[in-house]
Amino acid sequence: SLILNGSAVDGSYWLDATPDLSGFVVPVQGSI
């Protein structure tokens, strides 16, 4: 399933914990 979340998980700093993650979407006020 497409996984949605909030802005709190914006950033790439945590992605090592989920290798090759796809289908994850968040809304943010601006792109870093």
Full PDB file with SEQRES, HELIX, SHEET, SSBOND, CRYST1, ORIGX, SCALE, CONECT and MASTER records, all heavy atoms in Angstrom:
SEQRES   1 A   32  SER LEU ILE LEU ASN GLY SER ALA VAL ASP GLY SER TYR          
SEQRES   2 A   32  TRP LEU ASP ALA THR PRO ASP LEU SER GLY PHE VAL VAL          
SEQRES   3 A   32  PRO VAL GLN GLY SER ILE                                      
HELIX    1 AA1 SER A    7  VAL A    9  5                                   3    
HELIX    2 AA2 LEU A   15  ALA A   17  5                                   3    
SHEET    1 AA1 2 ILE A   3  LEU A   4  0                                        
SHEET    2 AA1 2 PHE A  24  VAL A  25  1                                        
CRYST1    1.000    1.000    1.000  90.00  90.00  90.00 P 1           1          
ORIGX1      1.000000  0.000000  0.000000        0.00000                         
ORIGX2      0.000000  1.000000  0.000000        0.00000                         
ORIGX3      0.000000  0.000000  1.000000        0.00000                         
SCALE1      1.000000  0.000000  0.000000        0.00000                         
SCALE2      0.000000  1.000000  0.000000        0.00000                         
SCALE3      0.000000  0.000000  1.000000        0.00000                         
ATOM      1  N   SER A   1       0.836  -1.205   0.000  1.00  0.00           N  
ATOM      2  CA  SER A   1       0.000   0.000   0.000  1.00  0.00           C  
ATOM      3  C   SER A   1       0.872   1.257   0.000  1.00  0.00           C  
ATOM      4  O   SER A   1       1.970   1.285   0.575  1.00  0.00           O  
ATOM      5  CB  SER A   1      -0.877   0.037   1.251  1.00  0.00           C  
ATOM      6  OG  SER A   1      -1.655  -1.120   1.394  1.00  0.00           O  
ATOM      7  N   LEU A   2       0.371   2.317  -0.637  1.00  0.00           N  
ATOM      8  CA  LEU A   2       1.015   3.616  -0.534  1.00  0.00           C  
ATOM      9  C   LEU A   2       0.931   4.061   0.920  1.00  0.00           C  
ATOM     10  O   LEU A   2      -0.152   4.078   1.513  1.00  0.00           O  
ATOM     11  CB  LEU A   2       0.298   4.618  -1.443  1.00  0.00           C  
ATOM     12  CG  LEU A   2       0.940   5.995  -1.596  1.00  0.00           C  
ATOM     13  CD1 LEU A   2       2.255   5.902  -2.359  1.00  0.00           C  
ATOM     14  CD2 LEU A   2      -0.017   6.957  -2.305  1.00  0.00           C  
ATOM     15  N   ILE A   3       2.062   4.386   1.528  1.00  0.00           N  
ATOM     16  CA  ILE A   3       2.090   4.804   2.925  1.00  0.00           C  
ATOM     17  C   ILE A   3       2.193   6.324   2.984  1.00  0.00           C  
ATOM     18  O   ILE A   3       3.069   6.925   2.353  1.00  0.00           O  
ATOM     19  CB  ILE A   3       3.266   4.161   3.687  1.00  0.00           C  
ATOM     20  CG1 ILE A   3       3.176   2.633   3.614  1.00  0.00           C  
ATOM     21  CG2 ILE A   3       3.260   4.619   5.148  1.00  0.00           C  
ATOM     22  CD1 ILE A   3       4.369   1.922   4.243  1.00  0.00           C  
ATOM     23  N   LEU A   4       1.301   6.927   3.728  1.00  0.00           N  
ATOM     24  CA  LEU A   4       1.246   8.380   3.895  1.00  0.00           C  
ATOM     25  C   LEU A   4       1.634   8.723   5.327  1.00  0.00           C  
ATOM     26  O   LEU A   4       1.395   7.955   6.249  1.00  0.00           O  
ATOM     27  CB  LEU A   4      -0.168   8.894   3.609  1.00  0.00           C  
ATOM     28  CG  LEU A   4      -0.882   8.330   2.377  1.00  0.00           C  
ATOM     29  CD1 LEU A   4      -2.336   8.795   2.349  1.00  0.00           C  
ATOM     30  CD2 LEU A   4      -0.155   8.761   1.105  1.00  0.00           C  
ATOM     31  N   ASN A   5       2.204   9.914   5.511  1.00  0.00           N  
ATOM     32  CA  ASN A   5       2.519  10.370   6.867  1.00  0.00           C  
ATOM     33  C   ASN A   5       2.465  11.887   6.885  1.00  0.00           C  
ATOM     34  O   ASN A   5       2.058  12.512   5.899  1.00  0.00           O  
ATOM     35  CB  ASN A   5       3.886   9.841   7.317  1.00  0.00           C  
ATOM     36  CG  ASN A   5       3.976   9.671   8.832  1.00  0.00           C  
ATOM     37  OD1 ASN A   5       3.503  10.500   9.599  1.00  0.00           O  
ATOM     38  ND2 ASN A   5       4.585   8.589   9.273  1.00  0.00           N  
ATOM     39  N   GLY A   6       2.907  12.499   7.973  1.00  0.00           N  
ATOM     40  CA  GLY A   6       2.957  13.946   8.092  1.00  0.00           C  
ATOM     41  C   GLY A   6       4.369  14.475   7.940  1.00  0.00           C  
ATOM     42  O   GLY A   6       5.325  13.721   7.713  1.00  0.00           O  
ATOM     43  N   SER A   7       4.516  15.774   8.117  1.00  0.00           N  
ATOM     44  CA  SER A   7       5.802  16.438   7.885  1.00  0.00           C  
ATOM     45  C   SER A   7       6.893  16.011   8.851  1.00  0.00           C  
ATOM     46  O   SER A   7       8.074  16.228   8.583  1.00  0.00           O  
ATOM     47  CB  SER A   7       5.619  17.957   7.988  1.00  0.00           C  
ATOM     48  OG  SER A   7       4.668  18.431   7.066  1.00  0.00           O  
ATOM     49  N   ALA A   8       6.519  15.409   9.977  1.00  0.00           N  
ATOM     50  CA  ALA A   8       7.520  15.045  10.989  1.00  0.00           C  
ATOM     51  C   ALA A   8       8.569  14.077  10.477  1.00  0.00           C  
ATOM     52  O   ALA A   8       9.656  13.985  11.045  1.00  0.00           O  
ATOM     53  CB  ALA A   8       6.837  14.463  12.222  1.00  0.00           C  
ATOM     54  N   VAL A   9       8.250  13.340   9.411  1.00  0.00           N  
ATOM     55  CA  VAL A   9       9.229  12.394   8.868  1.00  0.00           C  
ATOM     56  C   VAL A   9       9.897  12.924   7.606  1.00  0.00           C  
ATOM     57  O   VAL A   9      10.514  12.166   6.851  1.00  0.00           O  
ATOM     58  CB  VAL A   9       8.590  11.010   8.605  1.00  0.00           C  
ATOM     59  CG1 VAL A   9       8.213  10.350   9.908  1.00  0.00           C  
ATOM     60  CG2 VAL A   9       7.376  11.118   7.707  1.00  0.00           C  
ATOM     61  N   ASP A  10       9.781  14.233   7.366  1.00  0.00           N  
ATOM     62  CA  ASP A  10      10.511  14.835   6.245  1.00  0.00           C  
ATOM     63  C   ASP A  10      12.008  14.700   6.496  1.00  0.00           C  
ATOM     64  O   ASP A  10      12.474  14.756   7.636  1.00  0.00           O  
ATOM     65  CB  ASP A  10      10.129  16.310   6.115  1.00  0.00           C  
ATOM     66  CG  ASP A  10      10.804  16.987   4.937  1.00  0.00           C  
ATOM     67  OD1 ASP A  10      11.028  16.298   3.918  1.00  0.00           O  
ATOM     68  OD2 ASP A  10      11.096  18.191   5.026  1.00  0.00           O  
ATOM     69  N   GLY A  11      12.774  14.540   5.421  1.00  0.00           N  
ATOM     70  CA  GLY A  11      14.220  14.411   5.533  1.00  0.00           C  
ATOM     71  C   GLY A  11      14.671  13.011   5.161  1.00  0.00           C  
ATOM     72  O   GLY A  11      13.903  12.049   5.228  1.00  0.00           O  
ATOM     73  N   SER A  12      15.936  12.906   4.794  1.00  0.00           N  
ATOM     74  CA  SER A  12      16.483  11.614   4.373  1.00  0.00           C  
ATOM     75  C   SER A  12      17.315  10.947   5.457  1.00  0.00           C  
ATOM     76  O   SER A  12      17.823   9.841   5.253  1.00  0.00           O  
ATOM     77  CB  SER A  12      17.351  11.813   3.120  1.00  0.00           C  
ATOM     78  OG  SER A  12      18.404  12.718   3.391  1.00  0.00           O  
ATOM     79  N   TYR A  13      17.413  11.594   6.618  1.00  0.00           N  
ATOM     80  CA  TYR A  13      18.320  11.125   7.670  1.00  0.00           C  
ATOM     81  C   TYR A  13      17.938   9.745   8.214  1.00  0.00           C  
ATOM     82  O   TYR A  13      18.773   9.037   8.772  1.00  0.00           O  
ATOM     83  CB  TYR A  13      18.348  12.137   8.820  1.00  0.00           C  
ATOM     84  CG  TYR A  13      17.008  12.371   9.474  1.00  0.00           C  
ATOM     85  CD1 TYR A  13      16.629  11.649  10.594  1.00  0.00           C  
ATOM     86  CD2 TYR A  13      16.122  13.301   8.958  1.00  0.00           C  
ATOM     87  CE1 TYR A  13      15.396  11.853  11.188  1.00  0.00           C  
ATOM     88  CE2 TYR A  13      14.891  13.516   9.551  1.00  0.00           C  
ATOM     89  CZ  TYR A  13      14.536  12.795  10.663  1.00  0.00           C  
ATOM     90  OH  TYR A  13      13.304  13.003  11.240  1.00  0.00           O  
ATOM     91  N   TRP A  14      16.676   9.336   8.066  1.00  0.00           N  
ATOM     92  CA  TRP A  14      16.210   8.071   8.643  1.00  0.00           C  
ATOM     93  C   TRP A  14      16.105   6.939   7.628  1.00  0.00           C  
ATOM     94  O   TRP A  14      15.768   5.811   8.000  1.00  0.00           O  
ATOM     95  CB  TRP A  14      14.836   8.278   9.287  1.00  0.00           C  
ATOM     96  CG  TRP A  14      13.762   8.766   8.348  1.00  0.00           C  
ATOM     97  CD1 TRP A  14      13.519  10.052   7.976  1.00  0.00           C  
ATOM     98  CD2 TRP A  14      12.794   7.960   7.663  1.00  0.00           C  
ATOM     99  NE1 TRP A  14      12.451  10.107   7.105  1.00  0.00           N  
ATOM    100  CE2 TRP A  14      11.985   8.840   6.899  1.00  0.00           C  
ATOM    101  CE3 TRP A  14      12.509   6.596   7.629  1.00  0.00           C  
ATOM    102  CZ2 TRP A  14      10.932   8.388   6.102  1.00  0.00           C  
ATOM    103  CZ3 TRP A  14      11.462   6.135   6.829  1.00  0.00           C  
ATOM    104  CH2 TRP A  14      10.681   7.036   6.087  1.00  0.00           C  
ATOM    105  N   LEU A  15      16.410   7.206   6.383  1.00  0.00           N  
ATOM    106  CA  LEU A  15      16.122   6.238   5.328  1.00  0.00           C  
ATOM    107  C   LEU A  15      17.047   5.019   5.335  1.00  0.00           C  
ATOM    108  O   LEU A  15      16.706   3.986   4.744  1.00  0.00           O  
ATOM    109  CB  LEU A  15      16.154   6.920   3.961  1.00  0.00           C  
ATOM    110  CG  LEU A  15      15.015   7.924   3.723  1.00  0.00           C  
ATOM    111  CD1 LEU A  15      15.155   8.585   2.366  1.00  0.00           C  
ATOM    112  CD2 LEU A  15      13.664   7.235   3.851  1.00  0.00           C  
ATOM    113  N   ASP A  16      18.184   5.117   6.010  1.00  0.00           N  
ATOM    114  CA  ASP A  16      19.049   3.929   6.111  1.00  0.00           C  
ATOM    115  C   ASP A  16      18.336   2.796   6.849  1.00  0.00           C  
ATOM    116  O   ASP A  16      18.669   1.613   6.662  1.00  0.00           O  
ATOM    117  CB  ASP A  16      20.350   4.269   6.833  1.00  0.00           C  
ATOM    118  CG  ASP A  16      21.291   5.094   5.977  1.00  0.00           C  
ATOM    119  OD1 ASP A  16      21.056   5.173   4.753  1.00  0.00           O  
ATOM    120  OD2 ASP A  16      22.245   5.675   6.529  1.00  0.00           O  
ATOM    121  N   ALA A  17      17.362   3.160   7.689  1.00  0.00           N  
ATOM    122  CA  ALA A  17      16.622   2.137   8.443  1.00  0.00           C  
ATOM    123  C   ALA A  17      15.586   1.424   7.586  1.00  0.00           C  
ATOM    124  O   ALA A  17      15.043   0.394   8.005  1.00  0.00           O  
ATOM    125  CB  ALA A  17      15.929   2.783   9.651  1.00  0.00           C  
ATOM    126  N   THR A  18      15.320   1.957   6.391  1.00  0.00           N  
ATOM    127  CA  THR A  18      14.325   1.357   5.484  1.00  0.00           C  
ATOM    128  C   THR A  18      14.920   1.289   4.081  1.00  0.00           C  
ATOM    129  O   THR A  18      14.528   2.058   3.194  1.00  0.00           O  
ATOM    130  CB  THR A  18      13.028   2.182   5.479  1.00  0.00           C  
ATOM    131  OG1 THR A  18      13.358   3.536   5.147  1.00  0.00           O  
ATOM    132  CG2 THR A  18      12.351   2.158   6.835  1.00  0.00           C  
ATOM    133  N   PRO A  19      15.859   0.396   3.831  1.00  0.00           N  
ATOM    134  CA  PRO A  19      16.582   0.375   2.547  1.00  0.00           C  
ATOM    135  C   PRO A  19      15.663   0.266   1.340  1.00  0.00           C  
ATOM    136  O   PRO A  19      14.701  -0.497   1.346  1.00  0.00           O  
ATOM    137  CB  PRO A  19      17.475  -0.867   2.683  1.00  0.00           C  
ATOM    138  CG  PRO A  19      17.615  -1.091   4.152  1.00  0.00           C  
ATOM    139  CD  PRO A  19      16.312  -0.664   4.748  1.00  0.00           C  
ATOM    140  N   ASP A  20      15.967   1.075   0.314  1.00  0.00           N  
ATOM    141  CA  ASP A  20      15.277   1.034  -0.976  1.00  0.00           C  
ATOM    142  C   ASP A  20      13.768   1.262  -0.849  1.00  0.00           C  
ATOM    143  O   ASP A  20      12.982   0.730  -1.635  1.00  0.00           O  
ATOM    144  CB  ASP A  20      15.544  -0.305  -1.677  1.00  0.00           C  
ATOM    145  CG  ASP A  20      15.337  -0.198  -3.191  1.00  0.00           C  
ATOM    146  OD1 ASP A  20      15.682   0.845  -3.762  1.00  0.00           O  
ATOM    147  OD2 ASP A  20      14.802  -1.154  -3.778  1.00  0.00           O  
ATOM    148  N   LEU A  21      13.376   2.079   0.100  1.00  0.00           N  
ATOM    149  CA  LEU A  21      11.953   2.342   0.333  1.00  0.00           C  
ATOM    150  C   LEU A  21      11.330   3.045  -0.865  1.00  0.00           C  
ATOM    151  O   LEU A  21      11.891   3.985  -1.422  1.00  0.00           O  
ATOM    152  CB  LEU A  21      11.785   3.217   1.577  1.00  0.00           C  
ATOM    153  CG  LEU A  21      10.357   3.686   1.900  1.00  0.00           C  
ATOM    154  CD1 LEU A  21       9.463   2.498   2.239  1.00  0.00           C  
ATOM    155  CD2 LEU A  21      10.380   4.688   3.062  1.00  0.00           C  
ATOM    156  N   SER A  22      10.126   2.604  -1.245  1.00  0.00           N  
ATOM    157  CA  SER A  22       9.330   3.268  -2.270  1.00  0.00           C  
ATOM    158  C   SER A  22       7.886   3.380  -1.781  1.00  0.00           C  
ATOM    159  O   SER A  22       7.470   2.694  -0.848  1.00  0.00           O  
ATOM    160  CB  SER A  22       9.349   2.491  -3.588  1.00  0.00           C  
ATOM    161  OG  SER A  22      10.622   2.542  -4.207  1.00  0.00           O  
ATOM    162  N   GLY A  23       7.128   4.261  -2.439  1.00  0.00           N  
ATOM    163  CA  GLY A  23       5.719   4.377  -2.121  1.00  0.00           C  
ATOM    164  C   GLY A  23       5.449   4.977  -0.760  1.00  0.00           C  
ATOM    165  O   GLY A  23       4.526   4.564  -0.056  1.00  0.00           O  
ATOM    166  N   PHE A  24       6.238   5.987  -0.395  1.00  0.00           N  
ATOM    167  CA  PHE A  24       6.065   6.670   0.888  1.00  0.00           C  
ATOM    168  C   PHE A  24       5.961   8.164   0.603  1.00  0.00           C  
ATOM    169  O   PHE A  24       6.833   8.735  -0.060  1.00  0.00           O  
ATOM    170  CB  PHE A  24       7.249   6.390   1.814  1.00  0.00           C  
ATOM    171  CG  PHE A  24       7.090   6.937   3.203  1.00  0.00           C  
ATOM    172  CD1 PHE A  24       6.461   6.191   4.189  1.00  0.00           C  
ATOM    173  CD2 PHE A  24       7.563   8.200   3.528  1.00  0.00           C  
ATOM    174  CE1 PHE A  24       6.310   6.689   5.471  1.00  0.00           C  
ATOM    175  CE2 PHE A  24       7.409   8.709   4.798  1.00  0.00           C  
ATOM    176  CZ  PHE A  24       6.781   7.956   5.779  1.00  0.00           C  
ATOM    177  N   VAL A  25       4.912   8.817   1.100  1.00  0.00           N  
ATOM    178  CA  VAL A  25       4.606  10.196   0.718  1.00  0.00           C  
ATOM    179  C   VAL A  25       4.332  11.050   1.947  1.00  0.00           C  
ATOM    180  O   VAL A  25       3.618  10.620   2.864  1.00  0.00           O  
ATOM    181  CB  VAL A  25       3.378  10.238  -0.219  1.00  0.00           C  
ATOM    182  CG1 VAL A  25       3.110  11.665  -0.696  1.00  0.00           C  
ATOM    183  CG2 VAL A  25       3.582   9.323  -1.424  1.00  0.00           C  
ATOM    184  N   VAL A  26       4.886  12.271   1.944  1.00  0.00           N  
ATOM    185  CA  VAL A  26       4.615  13.232   3.021  1.00  0.00           C  
ATOM    186  C   VAL A  26       4.360  14.615   2.418  1.00  0.00           C  
ATOM    187  O   VAL A  26       4.905  14.953   1.362  1.00  0.00           O  
ATOM    188  CB  VAL A  26       5.783  13.325   4.028  1.00  0.00           C  
ATOM    189  CG1 VAL A  26       5.996  12.002   4.730  1.00  0.00           C  
ATOM    190  CG2 VAL A  26       7.065  13.787   3.355  1.00  0.00           C  
ATOM    191  N   PRO A  27       3.539  15.433   3.094  1.00  0.00           N  
ATOM    192  CA  PRO A  27       3.334  16.819   2.668  1.00  0.00           C  
ATOM    193  C   PRO A  27       4.225  17.747   3.496  1.00  0.00           C  
ATOM    194  O   PRO A  27       4.352  17.568   4.701  1.00  0.00           O  
ATOM    195  CB  PRO A  27       1.857  17.054   3.007  1.00  0.00           C  
ATOM    196  CG  PRO A  27       1.635  16.223   4.234  1.00  0.00           C  
ATOM    197  CD  PRO A  27       2.601  15.059   4.175  1.00  0.00           C  
ATOM    198  N   VAL A  28       4.846  18.721   2.857  1.00  0.00           N  
ATOM    199  CA  VAL A  28       5.753  19.633   3.559  1.00  0.00           C  
ATOM    200  C   VAL A  28       5.500  21.075   3.086  1.00  0.00           C  
ATOM    201  O   VAL A  28       4.910  21.303   2.033  1.00  0.00           O  
ATOM    202  CB  VAL A  28       7.229  19.265   3.324  1.00  0.00           C  
ATOM    203  CG1 VAL A  28       7.548  17.892   3.890  1.00  0.00           C  
ATOM    204  CG2 VAL A  28       7.585  19.312   1.843  1.00  0.00           C  
ATOM    205  N   GLN A  29       5.988  22.030   3.869  1.00  0.00           N  
ATOM    206  CA  GLN A  29       5.808  23.437   3.509  1.00  0.00           C  
ATOM    207  C   GLN A  29       6.758  23.880   2.405  1.00  0.00           C  
ATOM    208  O   GLN A  29       6.519  24.894   1.740  1.00  0.00           O  
ATOM    209  CB  GLN A  29       5.974  24.309   4.754  1.00  0.00           C  
ATOM    210  CG  GLN A  29       4.897  24.048   5.790  1.00  0.00           C  
ATOM    211  CD  GLN A  29       5.102  24.848   7.050  1.00  0.00           C  
ATOM    212  OE1 GLN A  29       5.220  26.085   7.028  1.00  0.00           O  
ATOM    213  NE2 GLN A  29       5.164  24.167   8.189  1.00  0.00           N  
ATOM    214  N   GLY A  30       7.833  23.154   2.217  1.00  0.00           N  
ATOM    215  CA  GLY A  30       8.789  23.461   1.162  1.00  0.00           C  
ATOM    216  C   GLY A  30       9.775  22.315   1.049  1.00  0.00           C  
ATOM    217  O   GLY A  30       9.981  21.557   2.010  1.00  0.00           O  
ATOM    218  N   SER A  31      10.399  22.172  -0.103  1.00  0.00           N  
ATOM    219  CA  SER A  31      11.322  21.069  -0.327  1.00  0.00           C  
ATOM    220  C   SER A  31      12.747  21.463   0.029  1.00  0.00           C  
ATOM    221  O   SER A  31      13.247  22.500  -0.415  1.00  0.00           O  
ATOM    222  CB  SER A  31      11.272  20.616  -1.788  1.00  0.00           C  
ATOM    223  OG  SER A  31      12.263  19.629  -2.024  1.00  0.00           O  
ATOM    224  N   ILE A  32      13.404  20.610   0.802  1.00  0.00           N  
ATOM    225  CA  ILE A  32      14.809  20.834   1.163  1.00  0.00           C  
ATOM    226  C   ILE A  32      15.751  20.250   0.113  1.00  0.00           C  
ATOM    227  O   ILE A  32      16.970  20.379   0.251  1.00  0.00           O  
ATOM    228  CB  ILE A  32      15.134  20.204   2.533  1.00  0.00           C  
ATOM    229  CG1 ILE A  32      14.942  18.670   2.485  1.00  0.00           C  
ATOM    230  CG2 ILE A  32      14.269  20.820   3.630  1.00  0.00           C  
ATOM    231  CD1 ILE A  32      15.379  17.945   3.749  1.00  0.00           C  
TER     232      ILE A  32                                                      
MASTER        0    0    0    2    2    0    0    6  231    1    0    3          
END                                                                             
